[in-house]
Amino acid sequence: AEIMADYPDVPLLIDPILTSGRGDDLTNDDMMDAMIELLFPQATLITPNSLEARRIAFADDVDEVALTSLDEAAARLLAMGSEYVLITGTHERTLEVTNTLYGDSKMIKAYKWERLPGSYHGSGCTLTSAIAACMAHGLSMEEAIEEAQEYTWQTLKNGFRPGMGQFIPDRMFWARDEEDAVVNSGDGSVKAH
């Protein structure tokens, strides 16, 4: 927060990760208070998933969390100081994933994405990093969010599962997209994939 205060012209994008993919708590009340009081007022964009948005927005009223609409949660998050809030809908029980951008105390745009099967680890940080990269290339906030969502969806569609756990986004899918990947089969032969 102190470093960012010295660079007010540098966009600050925050993916407020509160729990692990398994559901383990990664934050406590002091850390959440620090995010809300010190970082969110300086933020250009925060990208909570729907569970995080409700939990942060209603941190002082645990009974309200489950009953809260995302529009209501977004209004509270914007009031905390961030210029924009993008709430991702991967944790909602819907046929499609809806990510919703809010700013100027209102909803700006809802983006609909095909829900992919499986559970993913790293989708939120991939999205937030991709938005930052797009902004660094000169795109406006809305253009960056649109491009980053397309990229992130492709990383998930091309994701891989290294073991028995969650799928991991394949952030390098585009490098293999242009021509068939060559795979070493392990017996000395090489085949197109």
C-alpha atoms as a PDB file:
ATOM      1  CA  ALA A   1       0.000   0.000   0.000  1.00  0.00           C
ATOM      2  CA  GLU A   2       2.849   2.407   0.822  1.00  0.00           C
ATOM      3  CA  ILE A   3       4.648   1.652  -2.443  1.00  0.00           C
ATOM      4  CA  MET A   4       1.488   2.081  -4.517  1.00  0.00           C
ATOM      5  CA  ALA A   5       0.774   5.399  -2.786  1.00  0.00           C
ATOM      6  CA  ASP A   6       4.079   6.647  -4.252  1.00  0.00           C
ATOM      7  CA  TYR A   7       2.936   5.709  -7.787  1.00  0.00           C
ATOM      8  CA  PRO A   8      -0.693   6.830  -8.099  1.00  0.00           C
ATOM      9  CA  ASP A   9      -0.570   6.772 -11.930  1.00  0.00           C
ATOM     10  CA  VAL A  10       0.301   3.070 -12.053  1.00  0.00           C
ATOM     11  CA  PRO A  11      -2.849   0.918 -12.309  1.00  0.00           C
ATOM     12  CA  LEU A  12      -3.333  -1.440  -9.377  1.00  0.00           C
ATOM     13  CA  LEU A  13      -5.220  -4.656 -10.139  1.00  0.00           C
ATOM     14  CA  ILE A  14      -6.054  -6.942  -7.249  1.00  0.00           C
ATOM     15  CA  ASP A  15      -7.231 -10.550  -7.264  1.00  0.00           C
ATOM     16  CA  PRO A  16      -8.300 -10.894  -3.613  1.00  0.00           C
ATOM     17  CA  ILE A  17      -7.708 -14.595  -3.038  1.00  0.00           C
ATOM     18  CA  LEU A  18      -9.373 -15.555   0.246  1.00  0.00           C
ATOM     19  CA  THR A  19      -9.373 -19.357   0.043  1.00  0.00           C
ATOM     20  CA  SER A  20      -7.448 -22.078  -1.718  1.00  0.00           C
ATOM     21  CA  GLY A  21      -8.973 -24.204  -4.457  1.00  0.00           C
ATOM     22  CA  ARG A  22      -9.748 -26.810  -1.789  1.00  0.00           C
ATOM     23  CA  GLY A  23     -11.484 -24.216   0.360  1.00  0.00           C
ATOM     24  CA  ASP A  24      -8.718 -23.669   2.925  1.00  0.00           C
ATOM     25  CA  ASP A  25      -8.801 -20.161   4.411  1.00  0.00           C
ATOM     26  CA  LEU A  26      -5.843 -18.050   3.246  1.00  0.00           C
ATOM     27  CA  THR A  27      -6.756 -14.846   5.049  1.00  0.00           C
ATOM     28  CA  ASN A  28      -7.803 -13.632   8.454  1.00  0.00           C
ATOM     29  CA  ASP A  29      -9.735 -10.577   9.650  1.00  0.00           C
ATOM     30  CA  ASP A  30      -6.603  -8.393   9.894  1.00  0.00           C
ATOM     31  CA  MET A  31      -5.544  -9.219   6.345  1.00  0.00           C
ATOM     32  CA  MET A  32      -9.036  -8.575   5.004  1.00  0.00           C
ATOM     33  CA  ASP A  33      -9.208  -5.256   6.879  1.00  0.00           C
ATOM     34  CA  ALA A  34      -5.825  -4.262   5.413  1.00  0.00           C
ATOM     35  CA  MET A  35      -7.028  -5.049   1.874  1.00  0.00           C
ATOM     36  CA  ILE A  36     -10.235  -3.080   2.397  1.00  0.00           C
ATOM     37  CA  GLU A  37      -8.676  -0.083   4.128  1.00  0.00           C
ATOM     38  CA  LEU A  38      -5.254   0.196   2.456  1.00  0.00           C
ATOM     39  CA  LEU A  39      -5.374  -1.434  -0.979  1.00  0.00           C
ATOM     40  CA  PHE A  40      -8.928  -1.183  -2.338  1.00  0.00           C
ATOM     41  CA  PRO A  41      -9.013   2.650  -2.130  1.00  0.00           C
ATOM     42  CA  GLN A  42      -5.962   2.703  -4.445  1.00  0.00           C
ATOM     43  CA  ALA A  43      -7.191  -0.056  -6.776  1.00  0.00           C
ATOM     44  CA  THR A  44      -8.044   0.455 -10.406  1.00  0.00           C
ATOM     45  CA  LEU A  45      -9.731  -2.960 -10.552  1.00  0.00           C
ATOM     46  CA  ILE A  46     -10.485  -5.777  -8.146  1.00  0.00           C
ATOM     47  CA  THR A  47     -11.454  -9.198  -9.522  1.00  0.00           C
ATOM     48  CA  PRO A  48     -13.113 -11.274  -6.808  1.00  0.00           C
ATOM     49  CA  ASN A  49     -15.082 -14.389  -7.619  1.00  0.00           C
ATOM     50  CA  SER A  50     -18.701 -14.293  -6.459  1.00  0.00           C
ATOM     51  CA  LEU A  51     -17.936 -15.956  -3.116  1.00  0.00           C
ATOM     52  CA  GLU A  52     -15.087 -13.534  -2.382  1.00  0.00           C
ATOM     53  CA  ALA A  53     -17.182 -10.522  -3.448  1.00  0.00           C
ATOM     54  CA  ARG A  54     -19.947 -11.412  -1.015  1.00  0.00           C
ATOM     55  CA  ARG A  55     -17.533 -12.270   1.795  1.00  0.00           C
ATOM     56  CA  ILE A  56     -15.548  -9.017   1.466  1.00  0.00           C
ATOM     57  CA  ALA A  57     -18.586  -6.793   0.930  1.00  0.00           C
ATOM     58  CA  PHE A  58     -20.368  -8.191   3.964  1.00  0.00           C
ATOM     59  CA  ALA A  59     -17.390  -9.005   6.186  1.00  0.00           C
ATOM     60  CA  ASP A  60     -19.141  -7.308   9.094  1.00  0.00           C
ATOM     61  CA  ASP A  61     -22.423  -9.225   8.626  1.00  0.00           C
ATOM     62  CA  VAL A  62     -21.771 -12.947   8.097  1.00  0.00           C
ATOM     63  CA  ASP A  63     -25.508 -13.746   8.126  1.00  0.00           C
ATOM     64  CA  GLU A  64     -26.059 -11.577   5.019  1.00  0.00           C
ATOM     65  CA  VAL A  65     -23.322 -13.130   2.858  1.00  0.00           C
ATOM     66  CA  ALA A  66     -25.326 -16.006   1.375  1.00  0.00           C
ATOM     67  CA  LEU A  67     -28.401 -13.834   0.749  1.00  0.00           C
ATOM     68  CA  THR A  68     -26.625 -11.003  -1.009  1.00  0.00           C
ATOM     69  CA  SER A  69     -27.040 -10.249  -4.708  1.00  0.00           C
ATOM     70  CA  LEU A  70     -23.857  -9.680  -6.671  1.00  0.00           C
ATOM     71  CA  ASP A  71     -25.081  -6.197  -7.656  1.00  0.00           C
ATOM     72  CA  GLU A  72     -25.359  -5.325  -3.968  1.00  0.00           C
ATOM     73  CA  ALA A  73     -21.919  -6.781  -3.227  1.00  0.00           C
ATOM     74  CA  ALA A  74     -20.427  -4.836  -6.156  1.00  0.00           C
ATOM     75  CA  ALA A  75     -21.947  -1.571  -4.914  1.00  0.00           C
ATOM     76  CA  ARG A  76     -20.302  -2.098  -1.533  1.00  0.00           C
ATOM     77  CA  LEU A  77     -16.960  -3.014  -3.123  1.00  0.00           C
ATOM     78  CA  LEU A  78     -17.020   0.115  -5.304  1.00  0.00           C
ATOM     79  CA  ALA A  79     -17.793   2.180  -2.204  1.00  0.00           C
ATOM     80  CA  MET A  80     -14.540   0.839  -0.716  1.00  0.00           C
ATOM     81  CA  GLY A  81     -12.674   2.857  -3.346  1.00  0.00           C
ATOM     82  CA  SER A  82     -11.821   0.678  -6.333  1.00  0.00           C
ATOM     83  CA  GLU A  83     -12.550   2.316  -9.684  1.00  0.00           C
ATOM     84  CA  TYR A  84     -13.825  -0.955 -11.195  1.00  0.00           C
ATOM     85  CA  VAL A  85     -14.943  -4.351  -9.914  1.00  0.00           C
ATOM     86  CA  LEU A  86     -15.109  -7.459 -12.103  1.00  0.00           C
ATOM     87  CA  ILE A  87     -16.983 -10.230 -10.295  1.00  0.00           C
ATOM     88  CA  THR A  88     -16.382 -13.635 -11.826  1.00  0.00           C
ATOM     89  CA  GLY A  89     -19.195 -16.142 -11.798  1.00  0.00           C
ATOM     90  CA  THR A  90     -17.346 -19.439 -11.844  1.00  0.00           C
ATOM     91  CA  HIS A  91     -18.667 -20.349  -8.381  1.00  0.00           C
ATOM     92  CA  GLU A  92     -22.315 -19.656  -9.203  1.00  0.00           C
ATOM     93  CA  ARG A  93     -24.601 -22.575 -10.001  1.00  0.00           C
ATOM     94  CA  THR A  94     -25.492 -21.477 -13.533  1.00  0.00           C
ATOM     95  CA  LEU A  95     -25.296 -23.103 -16.958  1.00  0.00           C
ATOM     96  CA  GLU A  96     -23.029 -20.324 -18.230  1.00  0.00           C
ATOM     97  CA  VAL A  97     -20.340 -18.415 -16.386  1.00  0.00           C
ATOM     98  CA  THR A  98     -21.240 -14.740 -16.137  1.00  0.00           C
ATOM     99  CA  ASN A  99     -18.495 -12.260 -15.304  1.00  0.00           C
ATOM    100  CA  THR A 100     -19.849  -8.804 -14.506  1.00  0.00           C
ATOM    101  CA  LEU A 101     -18.001  -5.486 -14.695  1.00  0.00           C
ATOM    102  CA  TYR A 102     -19.078  -2.654 -12.425  1.00  0.00           C
ATOM    103  CA  GLY A 103     -17.924   0.963 -12.267  1.00  0.00           C
ATOM    104  CA  ASP A 104     -19.386   4.419 -11.572  1.00  0.00           C
ATOM    105  CA  SER A 105     -21.731   2.802  -9.020  1.00  0.00           C
ATOM    106  CA  LYS A 106     -23.463   0.656 -11.656  1.00  0.00           C
ATOM    107  CA  MET A 107     -23.143  -2.452 -13.779  1.00  0.00           C
ATOM    108  CA  ILE A 108     -21.255  -1.723 -16.997  1.00  0.00           C
ATOM    109  CA  LYS A 109     -21.360  -5.064 -18.779  1.00  0.00           C
ATOM    110  CA  ALA A 110     -22.047  -8.763 -18.234  1.00  0.00           C
ATOM    111  CA  TYR A 111     -19.932 -11.262 -20.160  1.00  0.00           C
ATOM    112  CA  LYS A 112     -21.251 -14.786 -20.744  1.00  0.00           C
ATOM    113  CA  TRP A 113     -18.931 -17.766 -21.193  1.00  0.00           C
ATOM    114  CA  GLU A 114     -19.524 -21.441 -21.796  1.00  0.00           C
ATOM    115  CA  ARG A 115     -19.050 -23.324 -18.531  1.00  0.00           C
ATOM    116  CA  LEU A 116     -16.267 -25.841 -18.980  1.00  0.00           C
ATOM    117  CA  PRO A 117     -16.321 -29.175 -17.137  1.00  0.00           C
ATOM    118  CA  GLY A 118     -14.017 -29.713 -14.198  1.00  0.00           C
ATOM    119  CA  SER A 119     -12.503 -27.562 -11.513  1.00  0.00           C
ATOM    120  CA  TYR A 120      -9.605 -25.188 -12.196  1.00  0.00           C
ATOM    121  CA  HIS A 121      -6.771 -23.794 -10.104  1.00  0.00           C
ATOM    122  CA  GLY A 122      -5.381 -20.446 -11.237  1.00  0.00           C
ATOM    123  CA  SER A 123      -8.189 -19.050 -13.354  1.00  0.00           C
ATOM    124  CA  GLY A 124      -8.590 -15.833 -11.326  1.00  0.00           C
ATOM    125  CA  CYS A 125      -4.911 -14.959 -11.260  1.00  0.00           C
ATOM    126  CA  THR A 126      -4.638 -15.801 -14.973  1.00  0.00           C
ATOM    127  CA  LEU A 127      -7.511 -13.409 -15.710  1.00  0.00           C
ATOM    128  CA  THR A 128      -6.168 -10.567 -13.566  1.00  0.00           C
ATOM    129  CA  SER A 129      -2.643 -10.930 -14.983  1.00  0.00           C
ATOM    130  CA  ALA A 130      -4.005 -10.989 -18.534  1.00  0.00           C
ATOM    131  CA  ILE A 131      -6.006  -7.797 -17.889  1.00  0.00           C
ATOM    132  CA  ALA A 132      -2.840  -6.123 -16.578  1.00  0.00           C
ATOM    133  CA  ALA A 133      -0.882  -7.261 -19.646  1.00  0.00           C
ATOM    134  CA  CYS A 134      -3.565  -5.953 -21.999  1.00  0.00           C
ATOM    135  CA  MET A 135      -3.616  -2.599 -20.203  1.00  0.00           C
ATOM    136  CA  ALA A 136       0.186  -2.454 -20.442  1.00  0.00           C
ATOM    137  CA  HIS A 137      -0.265  -2.783 -24.215  1.00  0.00           C
ATOM    138  CA  GLY A 138      -2.476   0.307 -24.225  1.00  0.00           C
ATOM    139  CA  LEU A 139      -5.967  -1.195 -24.209  1.00  0.00           C
ATOM    140  CA  SER A 140      -8.740   0.557 -22.311  1.00  0.00           C
ATOM    141  CA  MET A 141     -10.140  -1.153 -19.221  1.00  0.00           C
ATOM    142  CA  GLU A 142     -13.132  -2.582 -21.094  1.00  0.00           C
ATOM    143  CA  GLU A 143     -11.008  -3.724 -24.060  1.00  0.00           C
ATOM    144  CA  ALA A 144      -8.472  -5.302 -21.701  1.00  0.00           C
ATOM    145  CA  ILE A 145     -11.177  -7.154 -19.797  1.00  0.00           C
ATOM    146  CA  GLU A 146     -12.739  -8.478 -22.998  1.00  0.00           C
ATOM    147  CA  GLU A 147      -9.383  -9.659 -24.443  1.00  0.00           C
ATOM    148  CA  ALA A 148      -8.238 -11.124 -21.121  1.00  0.00           C
ATOM    149  CA  GLN A 149     -11.440 -13.106 -20.666  1.00  0.00           C
ATOM    150  CA  GLU A 150     -11.087 -14.634 -24.142  1.00  0.00           C
ATOM    151  CA  TYR A 151      -7.466 -15.541 -23.383  1.00  0.00           C
ATOM    152  CA  THR A 152      -8.352 -16.980 -19.956  1.00  0.00           C
ATOM    153  CA  TRP A 153     -11.235 -19.046 -21.337  1.00  0.00           C
ATOM    154  CA  GLN A 154      -8.848 -20.511 -23.931  1.00  0.00           C
ATOM    155  CA  THR A 155      -6.288 -21.335 -21.207  1.00  0.00           C
ATOM    156  CA  LEU A 156      -9.008 -23.214 -19.332  1.00  0.00           C
ATOM    157  CA  LYS A 157     -10.351 -24.958 -22.430  1.00  0.00           C
ATOM    158  CA  ASN A 158      -6.786 -26.130 -23.120  1.00  0.00           C
ATOM    159  CA  GLY A 159      -6.057 -26.785 -19.441  1.00  0.00           C
ATOM    160  CA  PHE A 160      -4.323 -29.887 -18.178  1.00  0.00           C
ATOM    161  CA  ARG A 161      -4.545 -32.021 -15.077  1.00  0.00           C
ATOM    162  CA  PRO A 162      -1.113 -33.097 -13.853  1.00  0.00           C
ATOM    163  CA  GLY A 163      -2.488 -35.475 -11.215  1.00  0.00           C
ATOM    164  CA  MET A 164      -5.744 -36.177  -9.452  1.00  0.00           C
ATOM    165  CA  GLY A 165      -6.481 -32.569  -8.482  1.00  0.00           C
ATOM    166  CA  GLN A 166      -7.813 -29.541 -10.284  1.00  0.00           C
ATOM    167  CA  PHE A 167      -7.076 -28.604 -13.889  1.00  0.00           C
ATOM    168  CA  ILE A 168      -4.358 -26.005 -14.472  1.00  0.00           C
ATOM    169  CA  PRO A 169      -4.818 -23.302 -17.151  1.00  0.00           C
ATOM    170  CA  ASP A 170      -2.499 -23.840 -20.124  1.00  0.00           C
ATOM    171  CA  ARG A 171      -1.207 -20.293 -20.498  1.00  0.00           C
ATOM    172  CA  MET A 172       0.968 -21.302 -23.438  1.00  0.00           C
ATOM    173  CA  PHE A 173      -1.864 -22.854 -25.497  1.00  0.00           C
ATOM    174  CA  TRP A 174      -1.342 -20.227 -28.195  1.00  0.00           C
ATOM    175  CA  ALA A 175       2.238 -21.388 -28.830  1.00  0.00           C
ATOM    176  CA  ARG A 176       0.954 -24.842 -29.756  1.00  0.00           C
ATOM    177  CA  ASP A 177      -2.095 -23.577 -31.622  1.00  0.00           C
ATOM    178  CA  GLU A 178      -0.466 -22.521 -34.874  1.00  0.00           C
ATOM    179  CA  GLU A 179       0.728 -25.965 -35.904  1.00  0.00           C
ATOM    180  CA  ASP A 180       0.420 -29.466 -34.527  1.00  0.00           C
ATOM    181  CA  ALA A 181       2.605 -29.930 -31.496  1.00  0.00           C
ATOM    182  CA  VAL A 182       5.385 -32.488 -31.786  1.00  0.00           C
ATOM    183  CA  VAL A 183       5.354 -34.930 -28.900  1.00  0.00           C
ATOM    184  CA  ASN A 184       8.170 -37.180 -27.820  1.00  0.00           C
ATOM    185  CA  SER A 185       6.544 -40.538 -27.062  1.00  0.00           C
ATOM    186  CA  GLY A 186       9.333 -41.635 -24.722  1.00  0.00           C
ATOM    187  CA  ASP A 187      10.461 -44.608 -26.858  1.00  0.00           C
ATOM    188  CA  GLY A 188      12.646 -42.468 -29.108  1.00  0.00           C
ATOM    189  CA  SER A 189       9.954 -41.889 -31.714  1.00  0.00           C
ATOM    190  CA  VAL A 190       8.283 -38.540 -32.332  1.00  0.00           C
ATOM    191  CA  LYS A 191       4.672 -38.110 -33.403  1.00  0.00           C
ATOM    192  CA  ALA A 192       2.385 -35.201 -34.224  1.00  0.00           C
ATOM    193  CA  HIS A 193      -0.156 -34.396 -31.523  1.00  0.00           C
END
